[in-house]
Structures are given as C-alpha cells and as structure tokens.
Amino acid sequence: MGLYSKYVLPKVTDFCCATKPIRKQREKVVPLCEGIVLEIGAGSGLNFPFYKAQNVKKLYALEPDGEMIKLAQKDKKNIEIDITYLKEFSENISLSDNSVDTILLTYALCTIPDPMSALKEMKRVLKPKGHLIYCEHGMAPDQSIKRWQDWLNPINSYFSGGCNLNRDITGLIVQGGFKIKNLDTMYLPGTTKVLGYNYWGTAVI
C-alpha cells in the first residue's frame, strides 16, 4: 500500500472529491468562513476557490499528507488568500488556544483516526464566539442503507485512506464539545446512497 498511498490515492481522492455534487456542497459552506480560518483536512485545495477573499484574513490549511499539499500548491491559481500549510494531524494542532475565528471541516471527519481528540483540539483553538462550519458524509438514516455501510466500511476504509462510511457526524460533533446551530441533511443527487448521505451546517462552543 506504500506506493499506492503515495502516488495513486492522492489523485484518486482529488478526483472523487471534485465531483459536481460535492462541489455544490462546498459552494454552500465555504463562503461562510471569515476572519482567521483553520481548514481541517485541506487536501488538494478543492475548497480554496470558494472562499470569499474579502472575508478571510488568514487561512491555515491543515493537511497531514505531503502529496496532497503538493497538489494544492500546484493547482493554487488566482487564490487571493494568505495561506499557511500545516503538515500535521488534527489530533495535535500546533495553533494557540482561542486563535481562530472559523474552523472548516469538509469531507475530513470520516478519515480522522481519532475524531474525538481532533474535535477537542478544534474546540481548543476556536475563539469563544467562533464557528465550526462542516459538511461531511456519514451514517445514513435508513437501516437498509446503514447495513450496507457497515458491511462495506472495512473494504472502503482499506482502499480509500481510512475513509469511514458510517460515522454519526452529528453525534461526534456534539460529543466533541460543540453545540449544533444549524443542520441540514440529504442524500446527494448523482451519488450512491451508501456514499452520499451528507450532513452540513454550523456549530458553536
């Protein structure tokens, strides 16, 4: 899996996460970011074009995978935002307490090995009046779909860099110390239901 993880998986992930249904989701949430922003799992920079540059003072793009950062730096064109890349894991964020206004979490919580530790770190660095803005795929409400998610999850996780199909996104965010402010959910059109149940909204401390 070494060569696959280094050379193949980043490009596959970039392709899958750039599909039209997911792009439409990014368009809904990324423009809400303002001030000093921490993006968790910035990947290849697919969110960058959707930031409103006039509202973002600084962007910290956290991404543990060096190959994904290379893709982001290569493809970054006409992005008028001050970006600093943090090559580190979200379970141990190097930023100071109460140092960011907005945390953006899109299609990343599914892959974080220890989501509780990561969410507690996010809470630590977020200012008291800051917002967590999220858009994630996860556990479906229909039991028949959820059974398929549970069955396929080990296979999917193995080949997709640790992506989990069946995480309870809302439950994790609440357990991590946040209060849900806004929440929308739906199966994304044009995707399979096993992969396509989305949660998006905002949360506060």
C-alpha atoms as a PDB file:
ATOM      1  CA  MET A   1       0.000   0.000   0.000  1.00  0.00           C
ATOM      2  CA  GLY A   2       3.042   2.317   0.269  1.00  0.00           C
ATOM      3  CA  LEU A   3       3.295   3.252  -3.412  1.00  0.00           C
ATOM      4  CA  TYR A   4      -0.494   3.242  -3.762  1.00  0.00           C
ATOM      5  CA  SER A   5      -0.893   5.589  -0.783  1.00  0.00           C
ATOM      6  CA  LYS A   6       1.810   7.962  -2.003  1.00  0.00           C
ATOM      7  CA  TYR A   7       1.223   8.144  -5.740  1.00  0.00           C
ATOM      8  CA  VAL A   8      -2.259   6.819  -6.532  1.00  0.00           C
ATOM      9  CA  LEU A   9      -4.529   7.581  -3.585  1.00  0.00           C
ATOM     10  CA  PRO A  10      -3.975  11.382  -3.549  1.00  0.00           C
ATOM     11  CA  LYS A  11      -5.016  11.671  -7.200  1.00  0.00           C
ATOM     12  CA  VAL A  12      -7.976   9.314  -6.762  1.00  0.00           C
ATOM     13  CA  THR A  13      -9.122  11.279  -3.711  1.00  0.00           C
ATOM     14  CA  ASP A  14      -8.751  14.568  -5.551  1.00  0.00           C
ATOM     15  CA  PHE A  15     -10.833  13.241  -8.462  1.00  0.00           C
ATOM     16  CA  CYS A  16     -13.600  11.777  -6.282  1.00  0.00           C
ATOM     17  CA  CYS A  17     -13.867  14.857  -4.096  1.00  0.00           C
ATOM     18  CA  ALA A  18     -14.148  17.173  -7.088  1.00  0.00           C
ATOM     19  CA  THR A  19     -17.363  15.720  -8.497  1.00  0.00           C
ATOM     20  CA  LYS A  20     -20.253  18.081  -9.210  1.00  0.00           C
ATOM     21  CA  PRO A  21     -22.497  17.025  -6.265  1.00  0.00           C
ATOM     22  CA  ILE A  22     -19.664  17.521  -3.777  1.00  0.00           C
ATOM     23  CA  ARG A  23     -18.637  20.771  -5.415  1.00  0.00           C
ATOM     24  CA  LYS A  24     -22.186  22.043  -4.933  1.00  0.00           C
ATOM     25  CA  GLN A  25     -21.909  21.233  -1.227  1.00  0.00           C
ATOM     26  CA  ARG A  26     -18.643  23.126  -0.948  1.00  0.00           C
ATOM     27  CA  GLU A  27     -20.322  26.136  -2.544  1.00  0.00           C
ATOM     28  CA  LYS A  28     -22.870  26.141   0.286  1.00  0.00           C
ATOM     29  CA  VAL A  29     -20.490  26.161   3.242  1.00  0.00           C
ATOM     30  CA  VAL A  30     -17.060  27.544   2.324  1.00  0.00           C
ATOM     31  CA  PRO A  31     -18.233  31.134   1.668  1.00  0.00           C
ATOM     32  CA  LEU A  32     -19.476  31.285   5.283  1.00  0.00           C
ATOM     33  CA  CYS A  33     -15.886  31.315   6.592  1.00  0.00           C
ATOM     34  CA  GLU A  34     -14.493  34.574   7.905  1.00  0.00           C
ATOM     35  CA  GLY A  35     -11.591  36.019   9.869  1.00  0.00           C
ATOM     36  CA  ILE A  36      -8.737  33.668  10.708  1.00  0.00           C
ATOM     37  CA  VAL A  37      -9.740  30.288   9.301  1.00  0.00           C
ATOM     38  CA  LEU A  38      -8.446  26.800  10.051  1.00  0.00           C
ATOM     39  CA  GLU A  39      -9.361  24.256   7.400  1.00  0.00           C
ATOM     40  CA  ILE A  40      -9.122  20.677   8.638  1.00  0.00           C
ATOM     41  CA  GLY A  41      -8.016  18.158   6.013  1.00  0.00           C
ATOM     42  CA  ALA A  42      -7.459  20.741   3.291  1.00  0.00           C
ATOM     43  CA  GLY A  43      -6.374  18.000   0.897  1.00  0.00           C
ATOM     44  CA  SER A  44      -5.606  19.228  -2.613  1.00  0.00           C
ATOM     45  CA  GLY A  45      -7.189  22.631  -2.021  1.00  0.00           C
ATOM     46  CA  LEU A  46     -10.592  21.948  -3.554  1.00  0.00           C
ATOM     47  CA  ASN A  47     -12.218  24.417  -1.148  1.00  0.00           C
ATOM     48  CA  PHE A  48      -9.847  27.277  -1.936  1.00  0.00           C
ATOM     49  CA  PRO A  49     -11.771  28.758  -4.907  1.00  0.00           C
ATOM     50  CA  PHE A  50     -14.950  29.081  -2.815  1.00  0.00           C
ATOM     51  CA  TYR A  51     -13.566  31.279  -0.032  1.00  0.00           C
ATOM     52  CA  LYS A  52     -14.613  34.918  -0.107  1.00  0.00           C
ATOM     53  CA  ALA A  53     -11.189  36.543  -0.043  1.00  0.00           C
ATOM     54  CA  GLN A  54     -12.544  39.809   1.331  1.00  0.00           C
ATOM     55  CA  ASN A  55     -13.839  37.990   4.424  1.00  0.00           C
ATOM     56  CA  VAL A  56     -10.808  35.809   5.169  1.00  0.00           C
ATOM     57  CA  LYS A  57      -7.873  37.402   6.954  1.00  0.00           C
ATOM     58  CA  LYS A  58      -5.729  34.272   7.087  1.00  0.00           C
ATOM     59  CA  LEU A  59      -6.140  30.607   6.143  1.00  0.00           C
ATOM     60  CA  TYR A  60      -4.352  27.789   7.919  1.00  0.00           C
ATOM     61  CA  ALA A  61      -4.654  24.726   5.696  1.00  0.00           C
ATOM     62  CA  LEU A  62      -4.062  21.646   7.848  1.00  0.00           C
ATOM     63  CA  GLU A  63      -3.193  18.515   5.896  1.00  0.00           C
ATOM     64  CA  PRO A  64      -1.016  15.608   7.117  1.00  0.00           C
ATOM     65  CA  ASP A  65      -0.387  14.179   3.641  1.00  0.00           C
ATOM     66  CA  GLY A  66       2.550  15.850   1.918  1.00  0.00           C
ATOM     67  CA  GLU A  67       1.454  14.637  -1.518  1.00  0.00           C
ATOM     68  CA  MET A  68      -1.929  16.324  -1.097  1.00  0.00           C
ATOM     69  CA  ILE A  69      -0.209  19.555  -0.100  1.00  0.00           C
ATOM     70  CA  LYS A  70       1.895  19.368  -3.262  1.00  0.00           C
ATOM     71  CA  LEU A  71      -1.289  19.062  -5.322  1.00  0.00           C
ATOM     72  CA  ALA A  72      -2.814  22.033  -3.509  1.00  0.00           C
ATOM     73  CA  GLN A  73       0.252  24.199  -4.084  1.00  0.00           C
ATOM     74  CA  LYS A  74       0.480  23.148  -7.723  1.00  0.00           C
ATOM     75  CA  ASP A  75      -3.156  23.852  -8.515  1.00  0.00           C
ATOM     76  CA  LYS A  76      -3.498  27.061  -6.489  1.00  0.00           C
ATOM     77  CA  LYS A  77      -4.255  29.695  -9.093  1.00  0.00           C
ATOM     78  CA  ASN A  78      -5.833  33.115  -8.656  1.00  0.00           C
ATOM     79  CA  ILE A  79      -6.359  32.476  -4.921  1.00  0.00           C
ATOM     80  CA  GLU A  80      -6.109  35.833  -3.186  1.00  0.00           C
ATOM     81  CA  ILE A  81      -5.821  34.468   0.344  1.00  0.00           C
ATOM     82  CA  ASP A  82      -2.844  34.324   2.694  1.00  0.00           C
ATOM     83  CA  ILE A  83      -2.411  30.542   3.115  1.00  0.00           C
ATOM     84  CA  THR A  84      -0.104  28.763   5.557  1.00  0.00           C
ATOM     85  CA  TYR A  85       0.056  24.979   5.266  1.00  0.00           C
ATOM     86  CA  LEU A  86       0.211  22.932   8.459  1.00  0.00           C
ATOM     87  CA  LYS A  87       1.587  19.456   7.699  1.00  0.00           C
ATOM     88  CA  GLU A  88       0.226  17.827  10.828  1.00  0.00           C
ATOM     89  CA  PHE A  89      -2.615  15.754  12.203  1.00  0.00           C
ATOM     90  CA  SER A  90      -5.796  17.326  13.555  1.00  0.00           C
ATOM     91  CA  GLU A  91      -5.408  15.393  16.817  1.00  0.00           C
ATOM     92  CA  ASN A  92      -2.455  17.659  17.644  1.00  0.00           C
ATOM     93  CA  ILE A  93      -2.911  21.144  16.175  1.00  0.00           C
ATOM     94  CA  SER A  94       0.067  23.475  16.603  1.00  0.00           C
ATOM     95  CA  LEU A  95      -2.009  26.671  16.873  1.00  0.00           C
ATOM     96  CA  SER A  96      -2.567  28.504  20.165  1.00  0.00           C
ATOM     97  CA  ASP A  97      -5.732  28.370  22.256  1.00  0.00           C
ATOM     98  CA  ASN A  98      -8.580  30.642  21.074  1.00  0.00           C
ATOM     99  CA  SER A  99      -6.657  31.659  17.946  1.00  0.00           C
ATOM    100  CA  VAL A 100      -9.079  31.123  15.031  1.00  0.00           C
ATOM    101  CA  ASP A 101     -12.458  32.602  14.149  1.00  0.00           C
ATOM    102  CA  THR A 102     -13.705  29.788  11.908  1.00  0.00           C
ATOM    103  CA  ILE A 103     -12.936  26.109  11.537  1.00  0.00           C
ATOM    104  CA  LEU A 104     -13.907  24.488   8.239  1.00  0.00           C
ATOM    105  CA  LEU A 105     -14.434  20.729   8.207  1.00  0.00           C
ATOM    106  CA  THR A 106     -15.399  19.236   4.824  1.00  0.00           C
ATOM    107  CA  TYR A 107     -15.174  15.538   3.987  1.00  0.00           C
ATOM    108  CA  ALA A 108     -12.399  15.040   6.526  1.00  0.00           C
ATOM    109  CA  LEU A 109     -14.045  13.761   9.714  1.00  0.00           C
ATOM    110  CA  CYS A 110     -14.591  10.408   8.011  1.00  0.00           C
ATOM    111  CA  THR A 111     -10.845   9.766   7.777  1.00  0.00           C
ATOM    112  CA  ILE A 112      -9.513  11.150  11.067  1.00  0.00           C
ATOM    113  CA  PRO A 113      -8.241   8.177  13.130  1.00  0.00           C
ATOM    114  CA  ASP A 114      -9.284   9.682  16.489  1.00  0.00           C
ATOM    115  CA  PRO A 115     -12.186  12.069  15.798  1.00  0.00           C
ATOM    116  CA  MET A 116     -12.822  12.839  19.475  1.00  0.00           C
ATOM    117  CA  SER A 117      -9.263  14.026  20.055  1.00  0.00           C
ATOM    118  CA  ALA A 118      -9.404  16.055  16.846  1.00  0.00           C
ATOM    119  CA  LEU A 119     -12.687  17.753  17.769  1.00  0.00           C
ATOM    120  CA  LYS A 120     -11.365  18.617  21.226  1.00  0.00           C
ATOM    121  CA  GLU A 121      -8.336  20.205  19.553  1.00  0.00           C
ATOM    122  CA  MET A 122     -10.636  22.163  17.252  1.00  0.00           C
ATOM    123  CA  LYS A 123     -12.586  23.379  20.256  1.00  0.00           C
ATOM    124  CA  ARG A 124      -9.344  24.424  21.951  1.00  0.00           C
ATOM    125  CA  VAL A 125      -8.126  26.613  19.094  1.00  0.00           C
ATOM    126  CA  LEU A 126     -11.532  28.130  18.267  1.00  0.00           C
ATOM    127  CA  LYS A 127     -12.357  31.521  19.765  1.00  0.00           C
ATOM    128  CA  PRO A 128     -15.322  31.555  22.202  1.00  0.00           C
ATOM    129  CA  LYS A 129     -17.561  33.264  19.638  1.00  0.00           C
ATOM    130  CA  GLY A 130     -16.180  31.336  16.681  1.00  0.00           C
ATOM    131  CA  HIS A 131     -17.947  28.839  14.414  1.00  0.00           C
ATOM    132  CA  LEU A 132     -17.316  25.325  13.226  1.00  0.00           C
ATOM    133  CA  ILE A 133     -18.619  25.046   9.668  1.00  0.00           C
ATOM    134  CA  TYR A 134     -18.963  21.491   8.444  1.00  0.00           C
ATOM    135  CA  CYS A 135     -20.038  19.363   5.519  1.00  0.00           C
ATOM    136  CA  GLU A 136     -19.481  15.621   5.857  1.00  0.00           C
ATOM    137  CA  HIS A 137     -20.775  12.314   4.579  1.00  0.00           C
ATOM    138  CA  GLY A 138     -21.685   9.618   7.056  1.00  0.00           C
ATOM    139  CA  MET A 139     -24.226   7.288   8.598  1.00  0.00           C
ATOM    140  CA  ALA A 140     -27.475   7.055   6.665  1.00  0.00           C
ATOM    141  CA  PRO A 141     -30.865   7.191   8.447  1.00  0.00           C
ATOM    142  CA  ASP A 142     -32.281   4.210   6.556  1.00  0.00           C
ATOM    143  CA  GLN A 143     -31.442   0.906   8.225  1.00  0.00           C
ATOM    144  CA  SER A 144     -31.097  -0.946   4.924  1.00  0.00           C
ATOM    145  CA  ILE A 145     -28.505   1.577   3.699  1.00  0.00           C
ATOM    146  CA  LYS A 146     -26.764   1.628   7.064  1.00  0.00           C
ATOM    147  CA  ARG A 147     -26.364  -2.159   6.970  1.00  0.00           C
ATOM    148  CA  TRP A 148     -24.618  -1.845   3.607  1.00  0.00           C
ATOM    149  CA  GLN A 149     -22.426   0.926   5.005  1.00  0.00           C
ATOM    150  CA  ASP A 150     -21.433  -1.243   7.973  1.00  0.00           C
ATOM    151  CA  TRP A 151     -20.682  -4.192   5.707  1.00  0.00           C
ATOM    152  CA  LEU A 152     -18.666  -2.227   3.153  1.00  0.00           C
ATOM    153  CA  ASN A 153     -16.856   0.015   5.622  1.00  0.00           C
ATOM    154  CA  PRO A 154     -13.751  -2.154   6.218  1.00  0.00           C
ATOM    155  CA  ILE A 155     -13.202  -2.598   2.464  1.00  0.00           C
ATOM    156  CA  ASN A 156     -13.803   1.075   1.693  1.00  0.00           C
ATOM    157  CA  SER A 157     -11.546   2.210   4.532  1.00  0.00           C
ATOM    158  CA  TYR A 158      -8.699  -0.012   3.342  1.00  0.00           C
ATOM    159  CA  PHE A 159      -8.677   1.329  -0.212  1.00  0.00           C
ATOM    160  CA  SER A 160      -9.636   4.965   0.472  1.00  0.00           C
ATOM    161  CA  GLY A 161      -7.064   6.039   3.028  1.00  0.00           C
ATOM    162  CA  GLY A 162      -9.159   5.351   6.122  1.00  0.00           C
ATOM    163  CA  CYS A 163     -12.447   6.877   4.968  1.00  0.00           C
ATOM    164  CA  ASN A 164     -15.376   5.589   7.053  1.00  0.00           C
ATOM    165  CA  LEU A 165     -18.834   5.352   5.518  1.00  0.00           C
ATOM    166  CA  ASN A 166     -20.843   5.018   8.723  1.00  0.00           C
ATOM    167  CA  ARG A 167     -19.785   7.664  11.224  1.00  0.00           C
ATOM    168  CA  ASP A 168     -22.517   9.531  13.111  1.00  0.00           C
ATOM    169  CA  ILE A 169     -21.380  13.029  12.188  1.00  0.00           C
ATOM    170  CA  THR A 170     -23.818  14.978  14.369  1.00  0.00           C
ATOM    171  CA  GLY A 171     -23.170  12.707  17.335  1.00  0.00           C
ATOM    172  CA  LEU A 172     -19.412  13.090  17.007  1.00  0.00           C
ATOM    173  CA  ILE A 173     -19.575  16.894  16.806  1.00  0.00           C
ATOM    174  CA  VAL A 174     -21.764  17.073  19.914  1.00  0.00           C
ATOM    175  CA  GLN A 175     -19.609  14.592  21.829  1.00  0.00           C
ATOM    176  CA  GLY A 176     -16.590  16.688  20.866  1.00  0.00           C
ATOM    177  CA  GLY A 177     -17.951  19.616  22.871  1.00  0.00           C
ATOM    178  CA  PHE A 178     -19.873  21.606  20.254  1.00  0.00           C
ATOM    179  CA  LYS A 179     -23.497  22.706  20.046  1.00  0.00           C
ATOM    180  CA  ILE A 180     -25.236  22.324  16.701  1.00  0.00           C
ATOM    181  CA  LYS A 181     -26.508  25.693  15.495  1.00  0.00           C
ATOM    182  CA  ASN A 182     -27.709  24.711  12.020  1.00  0.00           C
ATOM    183  CA  LEU A 183     -28.052  21.302  10.396  1.00  0.00           C
ATOM    184  CA  ASP A 184     -29.223  20.056   7.007  1.00  0.00           C
ATOM    185  CA  THR A 185     -29.055  16.519   5.687  1.00  0.00           C
ATOM    186  CA  MET A 186     -29.797  14.708   2.437  1.00  0.00           C
ATOM    187  CA  TYR A 187     -28.667  12.030   0.039  1.00  0.00           C
ATOM    188  CA  LEU A 188     -26.620  13.821  -2.596  1.00  0.00           C
ATOM    189  CA  PRO A 189     -28.114  13.514  -6.081  1.00  0.00           C
ATOM    190  CA  GLY A 190     -25.964  11.624  -8.520  1.00  0.00           C
ATOM    191  CA  THR A 191     -24.228   9.507  -5.882  1.00  0.00           C
ATOM    192  CA  THR A 192     -24.904   6.099  -4.364  1.00  0.00           C
ATOM    193  CA  LYS A 193     -26.805   6.253  -1.078  1.00  0.00           C
ATOM    194  CA  VAL A 194     -24.093   4.256   0.692  1.00  0.00           C
ATOM    195  CA  LEU A 195     -21.597   7.027  -0.027  1.00  0.00           C
ATOM    196  CA  GLY A 196     -23.849  10.010  -0.397  1.00  0.00           C
ATOM    197  CA  TYR A 197     -25.658  10.843   2.839  1.00  0.00           C
ATOM    198  CA  ASN A 198     -24.495  14.350   3.771  1.00  0.00           C
ATOM    199  CA  TYR A 199     -24.641  16.466   6.915  1.00  0.00           C
ATOM    200  CA  TRP A 200     -23.841  20.178   6.743  1.00  0.00           C
ATOM    201  CA  GLY A 201     -24.262  23.238   8.927  1.00  0.00           C
ATOM    202  CA  THR A 202     -22.633  25.217  11.718  1.00  0.00           C
ATOM    203  CA  ALA A 203     -21.774  24.561  15.348  1.00  0.00           C
ATOM    204  CA  VAL A 204     -20.541  26.665  18.240  1.00  0.00           C
ATOM    205  CA  ILE A 205     -18.852  26.075  21.574  1.00  0.00           C
END
